[in-house]
Protein backbone atom coordinates (compact mmCIF):
# COMPACT_ATOMS: atom_id res chain seq x y z
CA MET A 1 -43.18 92.00 -47.34
CA GLU A 2 -41.50 89.04 -45.69
CA THR A 3 -38.61 87.26 -47.36
CA GLN A 4 -37.72 83.68 -46.53
CA ILE A 5 -34.69 81.84 -47.85
CA ASN A 6 -35.04 78.07 -48.13
CA PRO A 7 -33.15 76.96 -44.99
CA SER A 8 -31.81 73.58 -46.11
CA GLY A 9 -30.29 71.70 -49.03
CA GLU A 10 -27.33 72.37 -51.34
CA HIS A 11 -29.42 74.68 -53.52
CA ALA A 12 -30.82 76.68 -50.62
CA ARG A 13 -29.16 80.03 -51.25
CA TYR A 14 -30.46 80.10 -54.85
CA GLN A 15 -34.12 79.70 -53.89
CA HIS A 16 -36.05 82.48 -52.20
CA GLU A 17 -39.66 82.73 -51.13
CA VAL A 18 -41.25 86.15 -50.88
CA GLU A 19 -44.54 86.55 -49.02
CA LEU A 20 -46.60 89.28 -50.68
CA PRO A 21 -50.15 90.43 -49.86
CA GLY A 22 -51.41 88.51 -52.89
CA GLY A 23 -49.57 85.29 -52.11
CA ARG A 24 -46.21 83.58 -52.26
CA LEU A 25 -43.62 84.24 -54.95
CA ARG A 26 -40.68 81.90 -55.58
CA VAL A 27 -37.50 83.57 -56.89
CA TYR A 28 -34.63 81.55 -58.33
CA ALA A 29 -31.48 83.66 -58.10
CA ASN A 30 -28.16 83.74 -56.34
CA GLU A 31 -27.93 86.16 -53.43
CA GLU A 32 -26.29 88.87 -55.53
CA GLN A 33 -29.02 88.78 -58.18
CA PHE A 34 -31.79 88.53 -55.59
CA ALA A 35 -30.47 91.66 -53.87
CA THR A 36 -30.89 93.65 -57.11
CA LEU A 37 -34.64 93.08 -57.36
CA ASP A 38 -36.56 96.32 -56.89
CA TYR A 39 -40.07 97.09 -55.74
CA LYS A 40 -41.41 97.24 -59.30
CA VAL A 41 -40.92 93.54 -60.00
CA LEU A 42 -42.36 92.63 -56.61
CA ASP A 43 -45.30 94.98 -57.09
CA MET A 44 -45.97 93.39 -60.46
CA ALA A 45 -45.82 89.92 -58.89
CA ASN A 46 -48.29 90.98 -56.22
CA ASN A 47 -50.77 92.08 -58.89
CA ASN A 48 -50.37 88.79 -60.74
CA LEU A 49 -50.90 86.82 -57.54
CA HIS A 50 -54.32 88.49 -57.17
CA ILE A 51 -55.61 86.67 -60.26
CA PRO A 52 -58.11 84.11 -58.90
CA ASN A 53 -57.12 80.49 -58.32
CA ILE A 54 -53.42 80.94 -59.14
CA ARG A 55 -51.59 77.79 -58.11
CA TYR A 56 -47.95 78.88 -58.35
CA MET A 57 -45.79 81.79 -59.51
CA SER A 58 -42.03 82.19 -59.82
CA TYR A 59 -39.33 84.44 -61.20
CA THR A 60 -36.11 83.36 -62.88
CA PRO A 61 -32.92 85.39 -62.29
CA ASP A 62 -33.22 87.33 -65.57
CA VAL A 63 -36.52 88.87 -64.39
CA HIS A 64 -37.29 92.45 -65.38
CA VAL A 65 -40.34 94.66 -65.69
CA GLY A 66 -42.73 94.14 -68.61
CA VAL A 67 -46.27 95.23 -69.43
CA GLY A 68 -48.66 93.76 -66.88
CA THR A 69 -46.25 90.96 -66.00
CA CYS A 70 -42.49 90.72 -65.64
CA ILE A 71 -40.39 88.97 -68.24
CA GLY A 72 -39.05 85.94 -66.40
CA THR A 73 -42.39 84.73 -65.00
CA THR A 74 -43.87 81.25 -64.69
CA ALA A 75 -47.50 81.18 -63.54
CA VAL A 76 -49.59 78.04 -63.11
CA TRP A 77 -53.29 77.25 -62.73
CA GLN A 78 -55.18 74.01 -62.51
CA GLU A 79 -56.85 73.38 -65.86
CA GLN A 80 -60.19 73.14 -64.10
CA GLY A 81 -61.13 76.62 -62.88
CA GLY A 82 -57.97 78.11 -64.39
CA TYR A 83 -57.29 81.48 -66.00
CA VAL A 84 -55.51 82.62 -69.12
CA SER A 85 -53.66 85.94 -69.33
CA PRO A 86 -52.33 87.58 -72.51
CA SER A 87 -50.17 89.66 -70.16
CA ILE A 88 -48.43 86.51 -68.86
CA VAL A 89 -47.87 85.25 -72.40
CA GLY A 90 -46.41 88.48 -73.73
CA SER A 91 -47.04 90.50 -76.85
CA ASP A 92 -44.62 88.49 -79.02
CA ILE A 93 -46.44 85.17 -78.79
CA GLY A 94 -44.20 82.19 -79.47
CA CYS A 95 -41.01 84.22 -79.30
CA GLY A 96 -38.21 81.74 -78.84
CA MET A 97 -34.88 80.29 -79.83
CA ARG A 98 -33.51 78.01 -82.51
CA VAL A 99 -30.03 76.53 -82.96
CA HIS A 100 -28.59 74.87 -86.04
CA LEU A 101 -25.38 72.88 -86.06
CA THR A 102 -22.79 73.05 -88.82
CA ASN A 103 -19.92 70.85 -89.90
CA LEU A 104 -17.54 73.82 -89.64
CA HIS A 105 -14.90 74.58 -87.00
CA LYS A 106 -14.09 78.02 -85.63
CA ARG A 107 -10.78 77.97 -87.49
CA ASP A 108 -12.88 78.03 -90.70
CA LEU A 109 -14.13 81.45 -89.63
CA GLN A 110 -10.94 82.76 -88.03
CA SER A 111 -10.67 85.58 -90.57
CA VAL A 112 -12.62 88.71 -89.62
CA GLU A 113 -12.98 89.53 -93.32
CA LEU A 114 -14.49 86.11 -94.01
CA ARG A 115 -16.98 86.66 -91.21
CA ARG A 116 -17.89 89.99 -92.81
CA LYS A 117 -18.33 88.27 -96.17
CA LEU A 118 -20.67 85.70 -94.60
CA VAL A 119 -22.71 88.40 -92.89
CA ARG A 120 -23.06 90.31 -96.18
CA ARG A 121 -24.19 87.12 -97.89
CA ILE A 122 -26.77 86.45 -95.16
CA GLU A 123 -28.16 89.95 -95.75
CA ARG A 124 -28.79 88.99 -99.39
CA TYR A 125 -31.16 86.22 -98.31
CA LEU A 126 -32.56 87.53 -95.03
CA PRO A 127 -34.60 90.78 -95.19
CA MET A 128 -33.38 93.35 -92.68
CA GLU A 129 -35.51 96.45 -93.19
CA ALA A 130 -39.16 96.91 -92.28
CA HIS A 131 -40.14 97.74 -95.86
CA GLN A 132 -38.45 94.68 -97.36
CA ARG A 133 -40.56 91.74 -98.37
CA GLY A 134 -39.54 88.23 -97.42
CA GLN A 135 -38.56 85.83 -100.20
CA PHE A 136 -41.31 83.36 -99.42
CA SER A 137 -44.18 84.58 -101.61
CA ASP A 138 -44.91 81.00 -102.71
CA ILE A 139 -45.82 79.95 -99.15
CA ARG A 140 -49.52 80.11 -98.23
CA LEU A 141 -49.88 81.77 -94.84
CA GLU A 142 -53.16 80.01 -94.08
CA HIS A 143 -51.30 76.70 -94.27
CA ILE A 144 -48.62 77.97 -91.90
CA VAL A 145 -50.93 79.24 -89.15
CA ARG A 146 -53.06 76.09 -89.36
CA LYS A 147 -50.38 73.42 -89.70
CA GLY A 148 -47.12 74.92 -88.49
CA LEU A 149 -44.06 73.32 -90.09
CA HIS A 150 -46.32 70.76 -91.77
CA GLY A 151 -47.81 73.58 -93.84
CA LEU A 152 -44.53 74.30 -95.63
CA PRO A 153 -43.96 73.24 -99.23
CA GLY A 154 -41.52 70.37 -99.40
CA LYS A 155 -38.72 72.46 -100.87
CA TYR A 156 -38.41 74.41 -97.61
CA LEU A 157 -37.85 71.30 -95.50
CA PRO A 158 -34.13 70.63 -95.32
CA ASP A 159 -34.01 67.01 -96.49
CA SER A 160 -32.10 68.10 -99.57
CA TYR A 161 -29.57 69.89 -97.36
CA THR A 162 -29.16 67.23 -94.71
CA PRO A 163 -29.79 63.96 -96.56
CA ARG A 164 -28.25 61.82 -93.86
CA LYS A 165 -30.22 63.30 -90.99
CA SER A 166 -33.51 65.12 -91.41
CA THR A 167 -34.27 67.08 -88.25
CA ALA A 168 -36.80 69.70 -89.37
CA LEU A 169 -39.91 68.09 -87.87
CA THR A 170 -38.37 66.04 -85.06
CA HIS A 171 -35.92 68.35 -83.28
CA VAL A 172 -38.47 70.97 -82.23
CA GLU A 173 -40.56 71.57 -79.14
CA SER A 174 -43.63 71.24 -81.35
CA SER A 175 -43.95 71.15 -85.14
CA ARG A 176 -47.70 71.87 -85.08
CA PHE A 177 -50.19 73.27 -82.56
CA ALA A 178 -53.75 72.09 -83.19
CA PHE A 179 -56.62 74.50 -82.47
CA ASP A 180 -60.15 75.47 -83.45
CA GLU A 181 -59.49 77.04 -86.84
CA SER A 182 -62.84 78.85 -86.96
CA VAL A 183 -61.23 81.70 -84.96
CA LEU A 184 -59.24 82.63 -88.06
CA ASP A 185 -62.39 83.84 -89.82
CA ALA A 186 -62.30 87.10 -87.83
CA ILE A 187 -58.70 87.99 -88.72
CA PRO A 188 -58.70 91.15 -90.92
CA ASP A 189 -57.25 90.97 -94.44
CA ALA A 190 -54.66 93.61 -93.50
CA THR A 191 -53.23 91.31 -90.82
CA TRP A 192 -52.96 88.40 -93.25
CA HIS A 193 -51.16 90.64 -95.73
CA ARG A 194 -48.73 92.17 -93.25
CA ALA A 195 -47.94 88.86 -91.56
CA HIS A 196 -47.25 87.20 -94.90
CA ARG A 197 -44.83 89.96 -95.84
CA GLN A 198 -42.95 89.48 -92.56
CA LEU A 199 -42.63 85.71 -92.77
CA GLY A 200 -38.99 84.71 -92.47
CA THR A 201 -37.81 88.00 -90.93
CA LEU A 202 -36.02 88.72 -87.65
CA GLY A 203 -37.76 91.90 -86.51
CA GLY A 204 -36.12 94.46 -84.26
CA GLY A 205 -35.34 94.87 -80.57
CA ASN A 206 -33.43 91.99 -79.04
CA HIS A 207 -34.08 89.60 -81.94
CA PHE A 208 -31.01 88.35 -83.79
CA ALA A 209 -29.24 85.62 -85.66
CA GLU A 210 -25.76 84.84 -84.41
CA ILE A 211 -22.84 82.74 -85.60
CA GLN A 212 -21.12 81.17 -82.61
CA ALA A 213 -18.34 78.75 -81.67
CA ILE A 214 -18.97 76.31 -78.84
CA GLU A 215 -16.98 75.10 -75.86
CA ILE A 216 -18.29 71.90 -74.30
CA ALA A 217 -18.64 71.68 -70.51
CA GLU A 218 -16.48 68.72 -69.57
CA GLU A 219 -18.94 67.34 -67.01
CA GLN A 220 -21.65 67.18 -69.70
CA ARG A 221 -19.48 65.93 -72.56
CA GLU A 222 -21.42 62.69 -72.96
CA ILE A 223 -24.68 64.60 -73.49
CA ALA A 224 -22.94 67.09 -75.79
CA GLU A 225 -21.62 64.34 -78.01
CA ALA A 226 -25.02 62.65 -78.07
CA TRP A 227 -26.41 65.96 -79.37
CA GLY A 228 -23.77 66.07 -82.13
CA LEU A 229 -21.63 68.79 -80.56
CA TYR A 230 -17.84 69.10 -80.58
CA ASP A 231 -15.40 71.70 -79.29
CA GLY A 232 -14.91 74.60 -81.67
CA GLN A 233 -17.99 73.73 -83.70
CA ILE A 234 -19.76 76.59 -85.47
CA VAL A 235 -23.46 76.87 -84.67
CA VAL A 236 -26.17 79.35 -85.66
CA MET A 237 -28.51 80.70 -82.98
CA ILE A 238 -31.75 82.49 -83.91
CA HIS A 239 -34.06 84.57 -81.70
CA SER A 240 -37.38 85.70 -83.16
CA GLY A 241 -41.13 85.28 -82.75
CA SER A 242 -44.52 85.59 -84.43
CA ARG A 243 -44.02 89.08 -85.90
CA ALA A 244 -47.19 90.84 -87.13
CA TRP A 245 -49.39 87.78 -86.64
CA GLY A 246 -48.71 87.43 -82.92
CA GLY A 247 -48.79 91.19 -82.48
CA ALA A 248 -52.28 91.33 -83.99
CA VAL A 249 -53.50 88.51 -81.76
CA SER A 250 -52.14 90.29 -78.68
CA GLN A 251 -53.53 93.70 -79.60
CA GLY A 252 -56.85 92.22 -80.64
CA SER A 253 -57.33 90.57 -77.25
CA THR A 254 -57.27 93.79 -75.22
CA ALA A 255 -60.84 94.97 -75.79
CA GLY A 256 -62.38 91.53 -75.30
CA PHE A 257 -60.50 90.76 -72.09
CA SER A 258 -61.22 94.22 -70.70
CA ARG A 259 -64.93 93.73 -71.37
CA VAL A 260 -64.97 90.29 -69.72
CA MET A 261 -63.13 91.60 -66.68
CA ARG A 262 -65.69 94.39 -66.27
CA GLU A 263 -68.60 91.97 -66.64
CA LEU A 264 -67.17 89.53 -64.11
CA GLY A 265 -65.92 92.15 -61.67
CA LEU A 266 -62.29 91.12 -62.12
CA GLY A 267 -59.22 93.32 -61.84
CA THR A 268 -56.08 94.26 -59.96
CA ALA A 269 -54.25 97.47 -59.19
CA ASP A 270 -52.68 97.29 -62.66
CA PRO A 271 -55.18 98.08 -65.43
CA LYS A 272 -52.77 96.65 -68.00
CA LEU A 273 -52.91 93.18 -66.44
CA LEU A 274 -55.46 91.26 -68.54
CA PHE A 275 -56.93 87.87 -67.67
CA ALA A 276 -60.12 85.83 -68.02
CA PRO A 277 -61.40 82.38 -67.04
CA LEU A 278 -59.90 79.71 -69.23
CA ASP A 279 -63.32 78.25 -69.99
CA HIS A 280 -64.88 81.61 -70.93
CA PRO A 281 -65.50 82.04 -74.69
CA GLU A 282 -63.11 85.00 -74.78
CA GLY A 283 -60.46 82.97 -73.00
CA GLN A 284 -60.90 80.08 -75.43
CA ARG A 285 -60.82 82.41 -78.42
CA TYR A 286 -57.49 83.83 -77.26
CA VAL A 287 -56.00 80.39 -76.59
CA ASN A 288 -56.89 79.19 -80.08
CA LEU A 289 -55.47 82.30 -81.73
CA MET A 290 -52.38 82.03 -79.54
CA TYR A 291 -51.75 78.53 -80.90
CA SER A 292 -51.99 79.88 -84.46
CA ALA A 293 -49.29 82.41 -83.51
CA LEU A 294 -47.12 79.62 -82.09
CA ASN A 295 -47.37 77.88 -85.47
CA TYR A 296 -46.31 81.09 -87.19
CA ALA A 297 -43.39 81.62 -84.80
CA VAL A 298 -41.77 78.21 -85.25
CA VAL A 299 -42.10 78.49 -89.05
CA ASN A 300 -40.68 82.02 -88.98
CA ARG A 301 -37.53 80.82 -87.20
CA HIS A 302 -37.32 77.84 -89.56
CA LEU A 303 -37.39 80.13 -92.61
CA ILE A 304 -34.80 82.48 -91.13
CA ALA A 305 -32.58 79.42 -90.76
CA TYR A 306 -33.38 78.41 -94.34
CA ALA A 307 -32.15 81.79 -95.59
CA ILE A 308 -28.98 81.58 -93.48
CA ARG A 309 -28.36 78.05 -94.76
CA GLU A 310 -28.39 79.38 -98.33
CA ALA A 311 -25.77 81.99 -97.40
CA PHE A 312 -23.51 79.42 -95.72
CA ARG A 313 -23.66 77.24 -98.82
CA ASP A 314 -22.74 80.15 -101.04
CA VAL A 315 -19.65 80.83 -98.93
CA PHE A 316 -18.57 77.32 -97.86
CA GLY A 317 -19.98 75.10 -100.60
CA THR A 318 -22.77 72.57 -100.92
CA LYS A 319 -21.22 70.17 -98.42
CA CYS A 320 -21.97 72.65 -95.62
CA GLU A 321 -24.80 71.19 -93.55
CA LEU A 322 -27.04 72.94 -91.01
CA PRO A 323 -29.20 70.34 -89.23
CA THR A 324 -31.53 71.55 -86.51
CA LEU A 325 -30.34 71.08 -82.94
CA TYR A 326 -33.60 72.36 -81.40
CA ASP A 327 -36.33 75.00 -81.55
CA LEU A 328 -38.29 76.13 -78.50
CA MET A 329 -40.41 79.01 -77.19
CA HIS A 330 -40.28 81.25 -74.15
CA ASN A 331 -43.59 83.22 -74.51
CA TYR A 332 -46.67 81.00 -74.39
CA ALA A 333 -49.27 79.15 -72.31
CA TRP A 334 -50.47 75.58 -72.67
CA THR A 335 -51.63 72.48 -70.79
CA GLU A 336 -49.08 70.20 -69.15
CA GLN A 337 -49.28 67.03 -67.07
CA HIS A 338 -47.29 67.15 -63.84
CA ASP A 339 -47.25 63.87 -61.87
CA THR A 340 -49.73 64.10 -59.01
CA GLU A 341 -50.87 67.59 -60.00
CA GLY A 342 -52.93 66.44 -62.99
CA GLU A 343 -53.56 68.79 -65.89
CA LEU A 344 -52.15 72.27 -65.33
CA PHE A 345 -52.32 75.38 -67.49
CA VAL A 346 -48.79 76.82 -67.46
CA HIS A 347 -47.84 80.33 -68.59
CA ARG A 348 -44.24 81.16 -69.44
CA LYS A 349 -43.31 84.77 -70.20
CA GLY A 350 -39.60 84.96 -70.82
CA THR A 351 -38.94 81.54 -69.32
CA THR A 352 -37.73 78.38 -71.05
CA ARG A 353 -38.95 74.84 -70.49
CA ALA A 354 -35.99 72.57 -69.67
CA LEU A 355 -36.88 68.90 -69.32
CA PRO A 356 -34.48 66.31 -67.86
CA ALA A 357 -33.61 62.94 -69.30
CA GLY A 358 -36.48 60.47 -69.28
CA HIS A 359 -39.27 63.03 -69.11
CA PRO A 360 -42.05 61.82 -71.44
CA ASP A 361 -42.59 65.28 -72.96
CA ASN A 362 -39.12 65.27 -74.50
CA PRO A 363 -39.12 64.80 -78.28
CA LYS A 364 -38.13 61.25 -79.13
CA PRO A 365 -34.54 62.12 -80.19
CA TYR A 366 -33.91 63.65 -76.76
CA LEU A 367 -35.77 61.27 -74.47
CA GLY A 368 -32.54 59.71 -73.22
CA THR A 369 -30.66 62.97 -72.57
CA GLY A 370 -33.21 65.73 -72.08
CA HIS A 371 -33.68 68.31 -74.83
CA PRO A 372 -31.36 71.28 -75.41
CA ALA A 373 -32.49 74.44 -73.56
CA LEU A 374 -31.29 77.41 -75.61
CA ILE A 375 -30.29 80.48 -73.61
CA PRO A 376 -28.96 83.58 -75.39
CA GLY A 377 -26.64 86.10 -73.80
CA SER A 378 -26.37 89.71 -74.94
CA MET A 379 -24.42 91.08 -77.90
CA GLY A 380 -20.75 90.39 -77.36
CA THR A 381 -21.30 87.89 -74.54
CA ALA A 382 -21.65 84.13 -74.52
CA SER A 383 -24.87 82.18 -74.95
CA TYR A 384 -25.49 78.73 -73.49
CA LEU A 385 -26.87 75.31 -74.35
CA MET A 386 -28.33 73.76 -71.20
CA VAL A 387 -30.18 70.61 -70.17
CA GLY A 388 -32.87 70.32 -67.52
CA GLN A 389 -32.23 68.58 -64.20
CA PRO A 390 -34.69 66.57 -62.08
CA GLY A 391 -34.70 69.38 -59.50
CA GLY A 392 -36.45 71.56 -62.05
CA ALA A 393 -39.72 69.79 -61.25
CA GLU A 394 -40.32 72.16 -58.33
CA ASN A 395 -40.40 75.08 -60.81
CA PHE A 396 -42.41 73.18 -63.40
CA TYR A 397 -39.18 72.78 -65.39
CA SER A 398 -38.87 76.51 -66.12
CA ILE A 399 -35.50 78.24 -66.37
CA CYS A 400 -34.32 81.65 -67.61
CA HIS A 401 -34.64 82.79 -71.23
CA GLY A 402 -31.58 85.05 -71.46
CA ALA A 403 -29.58 87.63 -69.56
CA GLY A 404 -32.45 90.03 -68.76
CA ARG A 405 -32.34 93.80 -69.16
CA ILE A 406 -31.06 96.07 -66.40
CA ARG A 407 -31.51 99.32 -68.35
CA SER A 408 -34.24 100.60 -70.61
CA ARG A 409 -33.36 101.41 -74.19
CA SER A 410 -33.43 105.14 -73.54
CA ALA A 411 -31.30 104.83 -70.39
CA THR A 412 -28.76 102.68 -72.24
CA LYS A 413 -28.40 105.32 -74.94
CA ARG A 414 -27.77 107.94 -72.25
CA VAL A 415 -25.13 106.12 -70.21
CA VAL A 416 -23.30 103.82 -72.67
CA SER A 417 -20.85 105.30 -75.17
CA VAL A 418 -20.10 103.90 -78.62
CA GLU A 419 -16.52 103.39 -77.46
CA GLN A 420 -17.66 101.22 -74.53
CA PHE A 421 -19.87 99.21 -76.86
CA ALA A 422 -17.02 98.80 -79.36
CA ARG A 423 -14.69 97.49 -76.64
CA ALA A 424 -17.31 94.95 -75.59
CA MET A 425 -17.49 93.75 -79.22
CA ASN A 426 -13.67 93.56 -79.52
CA VAL A 427 -13.78 95.90 -82.52
CA GLY A 428 -10.45 96.13 -84.36
CA THR A 429 -9.12 92.82 -83.02
CA GLU A 430 -9.05 89.30 -84.45
CA ASP A 431 -11.78 88.43 -81.94
CA GLU A 432 -14.14 91.13 -83.22
CA VAL A 433 -17.82 90.19 -83.12
CA VAL A 434 -18.84 91.28 -86.60
CA VAL A 435 -22.24 92.98 -86.88
CA ASN A 436 -24.26 93.80 -89.97
CA HIS A 437 -24.92 97.41 -88.95
CA HIS A 438 -22.48 100.01 -90.25
CA SER A 439 -22.89 102.09 -87.09
CA LEU A 440 -22.82 100.63 -83.59
CA GLU A 441 -24.65 103.74 -82.44
CA SER A 442 -27.82 102.53 -84.20
CA ILE A 443 -27.97 99.40 -82.02
CA ILE A 444 -26.36 100.67 -78.81
CA ASP A 445 -29.59 99.99 -76.88
CA GLU A 446 -28.77 96.29 -77.37
CA SER A 447 -25.20 96.58 -76.07
CA PRO A 448 -24.05 94.17 -73.33
CA GLN A 449 -24.21 97.07 -70.85
CA ALA A 450 -28.02 97.03 -71.19
CA TYR A 451 -28.20 93.51 -69.77
CA LYS A 452 -27.43 91.58 -66.63
CA ASN A 453 -24.26 89.51 -66.44
CA VAL A 454 -25.27 86.27 -68.17
CA ASP A 455 -22.70 84.29 -66.17
CA GLU A 456 -24.47 85.38 -62.97
CA ILE A 457 -27.72 84.14 -64.50
CA MET A 458 -26.10 80.80 -65.29
CA ASP A 459 -24.78 80.55 -61.74
CA SER A 460 -28.28 81.14 -60.42
CA VAL A 461 -29.92 78.51 -62.64
CA THR A 462 -27.28 75.83 -62.13
CA GLY A 463 -26.92 76.64 -58.45
CA ALA A 464 -30.66 76.18 -57.96
CA GLY A 465 -30.44 72.73 -59.52
CA LEU A 466 -32.82 73.61 -62.38
CA ALA A 467 -30.47 72.92 -65.30
CA ALA A 468 -26.84 72.25 -66.21
CA VAL A 469 -24.63 73.87 -68.83
CA VAL A 470 -23.76 71.57 -71.74
CA ALA A 471 -21.91 74.09 -73.89
CA LYS A 472 -20.90 77.74 -73.96
CA CYS A 473 -21.41 79.55 -77.27
CA LYS A 474 -19.05 82.43 -78.03
CA PRO A 475 -20.22 84.96 -80.64
CA LEU A 476 -18.32 85.49 -83.88
CA ALA A 477 -20.90 87.49 -85.85
CA THR A 478 -24.33 88.95 -85.09
CA ILE A 479 -27.12 89.85 -87.52
CA LYS A 480 -29.69 92.35 -86.30
CA GLY A 481 -32.85 93.37 -88.13
CA THR A 482 -35.25 96.25 -87.70
CA LYS A 483 -38.95 96.43 -86.91
């Protein structure tokens, strides 16, 4: 392996090129984070680079090992002659972030007991346990997977909550993904039933809803104010995906892709790395089902926010507003237009699209500023609202999607004590990050000690010229679900 560091430019030390037997890998990381990469992530990159016709591949600084492909990967093919890989989309298709603004200030939630009251109220509206059924039995799932947010009954769109500024369909990366709906005919009844039960639920693992207070970055204050942000403002950040629907699409693709790979003589050293030509019927079938899962995912986050909005109104009154700041994904693949490159098929697995001001793919409300890029930290640490920079074009406008794990769940449970976790959450102080679990031990595998230092990740992304920080979001309360 030969490593080359970009020799010139102000962002040079944050951009690394690694020559592997399969091809060239770009890594965006400061020198400290780059030095922590181990052979596993490079070995996984090498396998990915052996997929035919790959045009480009990169890692963001939060990169860590996944199944078949690392989380933190951007991989690009030309549309013509391209490939699609469920492994480079990820099992939780459409997993992503959502942020809602409020008209509250952090002083309104200064009391730890009030934060606990709000968390308890959220639990009344938002199912937490695997056996609980969501409250949305009047929503038809077939409308959701076909039409995305446009498939919701009118009462679930927040016009009645934000009469002066409706943002439900406009302040999102996409409100509907169109696809060939005939692929839905093969979905088993059991999947429809299970996915409908899980609609509007967080799920387990690193998924969460968090109540945060923001601090605006002075150099980006103009953009922050254009987005409706102010210092001390309370916001709600949500991280979830496509639940049982996306899981079924991912699991259901394994046999078909394996068969196609055998028939076409395709493969790498990793048998778990699945891929097929984009124009093959199996590839097209997966792409269409993937888009149905993207529809499910954006609606799922929307309904989680709907439930949280009800809780806020119970506690703070009907004048409490929660307009959407933005909703975006970090596990997907789709076609993009990139200047002289033409149509490209871009995979993002644990990476976030961050477009700068003026880019035509920005939603209309954000054309003049660039859209918000939503980057969560770990429990007890800050999250960030960012905006893409023109320099991001060299990485197809991909940035990190979070802090990135440094320890497995089992390893975290072995080496991190409940006392260490409690200190990280400021338990027993006025700055305590309130959680909805009665025992920290039950969620210790999600403690900050399981993750990289998010500030190092931010340094890497901003130092590389990919994006800029608009606001820092400090946690006040975190809501975690189960599988």
